[in-house]
N, C-alpha and C. Protein backbone atom coordinates (compact mmCIF):
# COMPACT_ATOMS: atom_id res chain seq x y z
N UNK A 1 15.35 -9.43 11.36
CA UNK A 1 14.80 -8.19 10.83
C UNK A 1 13.74 -8.52 9.79
N UNK A 2 12.57 -7.92 9.94
CA UNK A 2 11.48 -8.18 9.01
C UNK A 2 11.76 -7.47 7.69
N UNK A 3 11.57 -8.19 6.60
CA UNK A 3 11.77 -7.60 5.27
C UNK A 3 10.42 -7.35 4.60
N UNK A 4 10.34 -6.21 3.94
CA UNK A 4 9.13 -5.82 3.21
C UNK A 4 9.51 -5.63 1.74
N UNK A 5 8.80 -6.31 0.85
CA UNK A 5 9.10 -6.20 -0.58
C UNK A 5 7.81 -5.86 -1.33
N UNK A 6 7.78 -4.64 -1.84
CA UNK A 6 6.60 -4.17 -2.58
C UNK A 6 6.76 -4.43 -4.06
N UNK A 7 5.66 -4.67 -4.74
CA UNK A 7 5.68 -4.90 -6.18
C UNK A 7 4.32 -4.57 -6.77
N UNK A 8 4.27 -4.51 -8.11
CA UNK A 8 3.01 -4.32 -8.80
C UNK A 8 2.78 -2.94 -9.36
N UNK A 9 3.69 -2.01 -9.11
CA UNK A 9 3.52 -0.67 -9.64
C UNK A 9 3.74 -0.62 -11.14
N UNK A 10 3.51 0.55 -11.69
CA UNK A 10 3.71 0.73 -13.12
C UNK A 10 3.09 2.02 -13.61
N UNK A 11 3.07 2.16 -14.92
CA UNK A 11 2.47 3.33 -15.57
C UNK A 11 1.07 2.95 -16.05
N UNK A 12 0.10 3.75 -15.68
CA UNK A 12 -1.28 3.46 -16.05
C UNK A 12 -1.97 4.76 -16.42
N UNK A 13 -2.95 4.66 -17.31
CA UNK A 13 -3.70 5.84 -17.70
C UNK A 13 -4.73 6.20 -16.64
N UNK A 14 -5.11 7.46 -16.58
CA UNK A 14 -6.18 7.85 -15.64
C UNK A 14 -7.42 6.98 -15.85
N UNK A 15 -8.01 6.56 -14.74
CA UNK A 15 -9.16 5.66 -14.80
C UNK A 15 -8.79 4.20 -14.74
N UNK A 16 -7.51 3.90 -14.87
CA UNK A 16 -7.05 2.52 -14.86
C UNK A 16 -6.91 1.94 -13.47
N UNK A 17 -6.43 0.71 -13.42
CA UNK A 17 -6.32 -0.02 -12.16
C UNK A 17 -4.94 -0.66 -12.03
N UNK A 18 -4.53 -0.84 -10.81
CA UNK A 18 -3.31 -1.58 -10.48
C UNK A 18 -3.56 -2.33 -9.17
N UNK A 19 -2.84 -3.42 -9.02
CA UNK A 19 -2.88 -4.15 -7.75
C UNK A 19 -1.46 -4.27 -7.23
N UNK A 20 -1.23 -3.67 -6.08
CA UNK A 20 0.07 -3.73 -5.44
C UNK A 20 0.13 -4.90 -4.47
N UNK A 21 1.32 -5.46 -4.32
CA UNK A 21 1.54 -6.55 -3.37
C UNK A 21 2.70 -6.19 -2.46
N UNK A 22 2.64 -6.65 -1.24
CA UNK A 22 3.72 -6.47 -0.28
C UNK A 22 3.97 -7.81 0.40
N UNK A 23 5.13 -8.36 0.14
CA UNK A 23 5.52 -9.62 0.76
C UNK A 23 6.24 -9.31 2.07
N UNK A 24 5.79 -9.94 3.14
CA UNK A 24 6.34 -9.71 4.48
C UNK A 24 7.01 -10.99 4.95
N UNK A 25 8.22 -10.85 5.52
CA UNK A 25 8.99 -12.04 5.89
C UNK A 25 8.63 -12.59 7.26
N UNK A 26 7.45 -12.20 7.75
CA UNK A 26 6.98 -12.68 9.05
C UNK A 26 5.46 -12.66 9.00
N UNK A 27 4.83 -13.42 9.86
CA UNK A 27 3.37 -13.47 9.86
C UNK A 27 2.78 -12.07 10.00
N UNK A 28 1.96 -11.69 9.01
CA UNK A 28 1.38 -10.35 9.06
C UNK A 28 0.35 -10.23 10.19
N UNK A 29 -0.15 -11.34 10.66
CA UNK A 29 -1.12 -11.30 11.77
C UNK A 29 -0.44 -11.03 13.11
N UNK A 30 0.90 -11.04 13.13
CA UNK A 30 1.62 -10.74 14.36
C UNK A 30 1.69 -9.23 14.62
N UNK A 31 1.25 -8.45 13.64
CA UNK A 31 1.25 -7.00 13.79
C UNK A 31 -0.18 -6.50 14.03
N UNK A 32 -0.31 -5.52 14.90
CA UNK A 32 -1.65 -5.00 15.22
C UNK A 32 -2.36 -4.45 13.99
N UNK A 33 -1.61 -3.77 13.16
CA UNK A 33 -2.20 -3.20 11.96
C UNK A 33 -1.11 -2.93 10.94
N UNK A 34 -1.43 -3.19 9.69
CA UNK A 34 -0.49 -2.90 8.62
C UNK A 34 -1.13 -1.95 7.63
N UNK A 35 -0.30 -1.25 6.90
CA UNK A 35 -0.86 -0.26 6.00
C UNK A 35 -0.04 -0.04 4.75
N UNK A 36 -0.66 0.68 3.84
CA UNK A 36 0.01 1.15 2.63
C UNK A 36 0.20 2.66 2.74
N UNK A 37 1.41 3.08 2.42
CA UNK A 37 1.77 4.47 2.45
C UNK A 37 2.14 4.89 1.02
N UNK A 38 2.15 6.19 0.79
CA UNK A 38 2.68 6.69 -0.47
C UNK A 38 3.44 7.99 -0.21
N UNK A 39 4.40 8.24 -1.10
CA UNK A 39 5.23 9.43 -0.94
C UNK A 39 5.57 10.00 -2.31
N UNK A 40 5.43 11.32 -2.40
CA UNK A 40 5.87 12.03 -3.59
C UNK A 40 7.05 12.89 -3.20
N UNK A 41 7.91 13.20 -4.13
CA UNK A 41 9.10 14.00 -3.80
C UNK A 41 8.74 15.31 -3.11
N UNK A 42 9.43 15.60 -2.04
CA UNK A 42 9.23 16.85 -1.34
C UNK A 42 8.11 16.83 -0.32
N UNK A 43 7.43 15.69 -0.22
CA UNK A 43 6.33 15.59 0.75
C UNK A 43 6.56 14.43 1.70
N UNK A 44 5.89 14.49 2.84
CA UNK A 44 6.00 13.42 3.81
C UNK A 44 5.24 12.18 3.33
N UNK A 45 5.69 11.05 3.82
CA UNK A 45 5.01 9.80 3.52
C UNK A 45 3.62 9.82 4.15
N UNK A 46 2.62 9.38 3.39
CA UNK A 46 1.23 9.45 3.83
C UNK A 46 0.64 8.04 3.93
N UNK A 47 0.00 7.75 5.04
CA UNK A 47 -0.70 6.47 5.20
C UNK A 47 -2.03 6.58 4.46
N UNK A 48 -2.26 5.73 3.48
CA UNK A 48 -3.50 5.83 2.69
C UNK A 48 -4.51 4.73 3.01
N UNK A 49 -4.04 3.60 3.51
CA UNK A 49 -4.96 2.51 3.82
C UNK A 49 -4.34 1.63 4.88
N UNK A 50 -5.17 1.08 5.75
CA UNK A 50 -4.67 0.19 6.79
C UNK A 50 -5.67 -0.92 7.05
N UNK A 51 -5.15 -1.99 7.64
CA UNK A 51 -5.98 -3.12 8.01
C UNK A 51 -5.47 -3.67 9.33
N UNK A 52 -6.36 -3.86 10.28
CA UNK A 52 -5.96 -4.37 11.58
C UNK A 52 -5.86 -5.90 11.54
N UNK A 53 -5.30 -6.46 12.58
CA UNK A 53 -5.21 -7.91 12.67
C UNK A 53 -6.60 -8.53 12.64
N UNK A 54 -7.58 -7.80 13.14
CA UNK A 54 -8.95 -8.28 13.15
C UNK A 54 -9.68 -8.09 11.83
N UNK A 55 -9.04 -7.38 10.90
CA UNK A 55 -9.63 -7.21 9.58
C UNK A 55 -10.34 -5.89 9.34
N UNK A 56 -10.31 -5.00 10.30
CA UNK A 56 -10.93 -3.69 10.12
C UNK A 56 -10.05 -2.83 9.21
N UNK A 57 -10.68 -2.23 8.21
CA UNK A 57 -9.94 -1.42 7.25
C UNK A 57 -10.25 0.06 7.44
N UNK A 58 -9.30 0.88 7.01
CA UNK A 58 -9.46 2.32 7.11
C UNK A 58 -8.74 2.96 5.93
N UNK A 59 -9.30 4.08 5.44
CA UNK A 59 -8.74 4.74 4.27
C UNK A 59 -8.72 6.25 4.46
N UNK A 60 -7.74 6.87 3.85
CA UNK A 60 -7.73 8.32 3.80
C UNK A 60 -8.83 8.75 2.82
N UNK A 61 -9.41 9.91 3.06
CA UNK A 61 -10.57 10.35 2.26
C UNK A 61 -10.30 10.34 0.77
N UNK A 62 -9.08 10.70 0.37
CA UNK A 62 -8.79 10.85 -1.05
C UNK A 62 -8.83 9.53 -1.82
N UNK A 63 -8.80 8.39 -1.13
CA UNK A 63 -8.82 7.11 -1.84
C UNK A 63 -10.05 6.27 -1.50
N UNK A 64 -10.89 6.75 -0.61
CA UNK A 64 -12.08 5.99 -0.24
C UNK A 64 -12.95 5.72 -1.45
N UNK A 65 -13.40 4.49 -1.55
CA UNK A 65 -14.25 4.10 -2.67
C UNK A 65 -13.48 3.69 -3.91
N UNK A 66 -12.17 3.94 -3.92
CA UNK A 66 -11.34 3.59 -5.08
C UNK A 66 -10.29 2.53 -4.75
N UNK A 67 -9.76 2.57 -3.55
CA UNK A 67 -8.71 1.64 -3.14
C UNK A 67 -9.28 0.63 -2.15
N UNK A 68 -8.76 -0.58 -2.21
CA UNK A 68 -9.15 -1.62 -1.27
C UNK A 68 -7.91 -2.34 -0.76
N UNK A 69 -7.74 -2.35 0.56
CA UNK A 69 -6.63 -3.07 1.18
C UNK A 69 -7.11 -4.45 1.58
N UNK A 70 -6.27 -5.44 1.39
CA UNK A 70 -6.61 -6.80 1.80
C UNK A 70 -5.31 -7.53 2.11
N UNK A 71 -5.47 -8.77 2.56
CA UNK A 71 -4.28 -9.54 2.89
C UNK A 71 -4.56 -11.01 2.67
N UNK A 72 -3.48 -11.75 2.50
CA UNK A 72 -3.52 -13.21 2.48
C UNK A 72 -2.57 -13.66 3.58
N UNK A 73 -3.12 -14.01 4.72
CA UNK A 73 -2.27 -14.33 5.87
C UNK A 73 -1.46 -15.61 5.64
N UNK A 74 -1.97 -16.51 4.81
CA UNK A 74 -1.23 -17.74 4.53
C UNK A 74 0.04 -17.44 3.73
N UNK A 75 -0.03 -16.40 2.90
CA UNK A 75 1.11 -16.02 2.08
C UNK A 75 1.89 -14.86 2.68
N UNK A 76 1.44 -14.36 3.83
CA UNK A 76 2.08 -13.19 4.47
C UNK A 76 2.22 -12.05 3.46
N UNK A 77 1.15 -11.79 2.77
CA UNK A 77 1.15 -10.78 1.72
C UNK A 77 0.00 -9.80 1.92
N UNK A 78 0.34 -8.54 1.76
CA UNK A 78 -0.62 -7.44 1.85
C UNK A 78 -0.87 -6.93 0.43
N UNK A 79 -2.10 -6.57 0.15
CA UNK A 79 -2.45 -6.09 -1.19
C UNK A 79 -3.10 -4.72 -1.13
N UNK A 80 -3.00 -4.00 -2.23
CA UNK A 80 -3.74 -2.76 -2.39
C UNK A 80 -4.29 -2.73 -3.81
N UNK A 81 -5.60 -2.92 -3.93
CA UNK A 81 -6.26 -2.82 -5.22
C UNK A 81 -6.62 -1.36 -5.44
N UNK A 82 -6.12 -0.80 -6.52
CA UNK A 82 -6.34 0.62 -6.80
C UNK A 82 -7.12 0.74 -8.10
N UNK A 83 -8.31 1.29 -8.01
CA UNK A 83 -9.16 1.48 -9.18
C UNK A 83 -9.39 2.96 -9.42
N UNK A 84 -9.87 3.27 -10.61
CA UNK A 84 -10.18 4.66 -10.98
C UNK A 84 -9.02 5.58 -10.60
N UNK A 85 -7.84 5.20 -11.02
CA UNK A 85 -6.64 5.94 -10.64
C UNK A 85 -6.65 7.34 -11.24
N UNK A 86 -6.08 8.27 -10.49
CA UNK A 86 -6.01 9.67 -10.87
C UNK A 86 -4.53 10.09 -10.93
N UNK A 87 -4.22 11.13 -11.67
CA UNK A 87 -2.82 11.59 -11.71
C UNK A 87 -2.26 11.90 -10.33
N UNK A 88 -3.11 12.37 -9.44
CA UNK A 88 -2.64 12.69 -8.08
C UNK A 88 -2.32 11.46 -7.24
N UNK A 89 -2.61 10.28 -7.76
CA UNK A 89 -2.21 9.04 -7.08
C UNK A 89 -0.76 8.67 -7.40
N UNK A 90 -0.15 9.39 -8.31
CA UNK A 90 1.24 9.12 -8.67
C UNK A 90 2.14 9.30 -7.45
N UNK A 91 2.89 8.26 -7.13
CA UNK A 91 3.75 8.27 -5.94
C UNK A 91 4.51 6.95 -5.89
N UNK A 92 5.44 6.87 -4.95
CA UNK A 92 6.04 5.59 -4.60
C UNK A 92 5.23 5.04 -3.43
N UNK A 93 4.80 3.81 -3.56
CA UNK A 93 3.96 3.17 -2.56
C UNK A 93 4.79 2.19 -1.73
N UNK A 94 4.57 2.24 -0.42
CA UNK A 94 5.27 1.39 0.54
C UNK A 94 4.26 0.70 1.46
N UNK A 95 4.67 -0.41 2.02
CA UNK A 95 3.89 -1.03 3.09
C UNK A 95 4.72 -1.00 4.38
N UNK A 96 4.03 -1.04 5.50
CA UNK A 96 4.68 -1.07 6.81
C UNK A 96 3.59 -1.25 7.84
N UNK A 97 3.98 -1.40 9.07
CA UNK A 97 2.99 -1.38 10.12
C UNK A 97 2.42 0.04 10.21
N UNK A 98 1.29 0.18 10.83
CA UNK A 98 0.69 1.51 10.97
C UNK A 98 1.61 2.42 11.77
N UNK A 99 2.36 1.85 12.68
CA UNK A 99 3.32 2.64 13.44
C UNK A 99 4.57 2.95 12.63
N UNK A 100 4.70 2.35 11.47
CA UNK A 100 5.88 2.60 10.66
C UNK A 100 7.16 2.10 11.30
N UNK A 101 7.02 1.03 12.07
CA UNK A 101 8.15 0.62 12.87
C UNK A 101 9.12 -0.35 12.23
N UNK A 102 8.79 -0.84 11.06
CA UNK A 102 9.69 -1.78 10.40
C UNK A 102 10.61 -1.03 9.43
N UNK A 103 11.72 -1.68 9.09
CA UNK A 103 12.60 -1.08 8.09
C UNK A 103 11.87 -0.97 6.76
N UNK A 104 11.89 0.18 6.17
CA UNK A 104 11.15 0.42 4.94
C UNK A 104 11.76 -0.35 3.77
N UNK A 105 10.89 -0.85 2.93
CA UNK A 105 11.34 -1.48 1.70
C UNK A 105 11.64 -0.42 0.65
N UNK A 106 11.90 -0.88 -0.57
CA UNK A 106 12.23 0.05 -1.65
C UNK A 106 11.00 0.72 -2.25
N UNK A 107 9.84 0.16 -1.97
CA UNK A 107 8.62 0.72 -2.53
C UNK A 107 8.42 0.32 -3.99
N UNK A 108 7.26 0.69 -4.50
CA UNK A 108 6.96 0.42 -5.90
C UNK A 108 6.35 1.69 -6.50
N UNK A 109 6.85 2.10 -7.66
CA UNK A 109 6.45 3.35 -8.27
C UNK A 109 5.13 3.18 -9.02
N UNK A 110 4.21 4.09 -8.75
CA UNK A 110 2.95 4.15 -9.49
C UNK A 110 2.90 5.49 -10.21
N UNK A 111 2.70 5.44 -11.50
CA UNK A 111 2.60 6.67 -12.28
C UNK A 111 1.29 6.65 -13.06
N UNK A 112 0.49 7.68 -12.85
CA UNK A 112 -0.81 7.77 -13.53
C UNK A 112 -0.74 8.96 -14.49
N UNK A 113 -0.75 8.64 -15.77
CA UNK A 113 -0.58 9.69 -16.76
C UNK A 113 -1.12 9.23 -18.10
N UNK A 114 -1.64 10.19 -18.87
CA UNK A 114 -2.11 9.88 -20.21
C UNK A 114 -0.99 10.11 -21.22
C-alpha cells in the first residue's frame, strides 16, 4: 500500500509563503499524474495543482500565478510552493494521484490569518 505523508503547513500572514512537501513511498513517476488537493470543513476536496509524469503542470484558476507544483523524483517527493497566500487558501492540504486512487494521508493544515 502506497503511503502519502504531507508536511510543511502552518500559520502564515496574508501575503506570506509556505512550501508543502509530500513524501510518497513509491516512485512518483509510476503514476500518470499527481496533485495537491485542499479541503475546508463542509466542502468537497478540491484539486488545486497537478503534474503529469511528463512534467506538464495544471492549476485551478484561484491559485494560478501564486502556487507552483514540482517534484523530486529521486526523493519521491512532491512539492507545492505557495506564495502570496490569502485567507481563502486556509485548508488542509493533501497529495494524491489525480484520480485520487491512493489511500489519503493525514494532510497538512495551512492557516492564513493576520
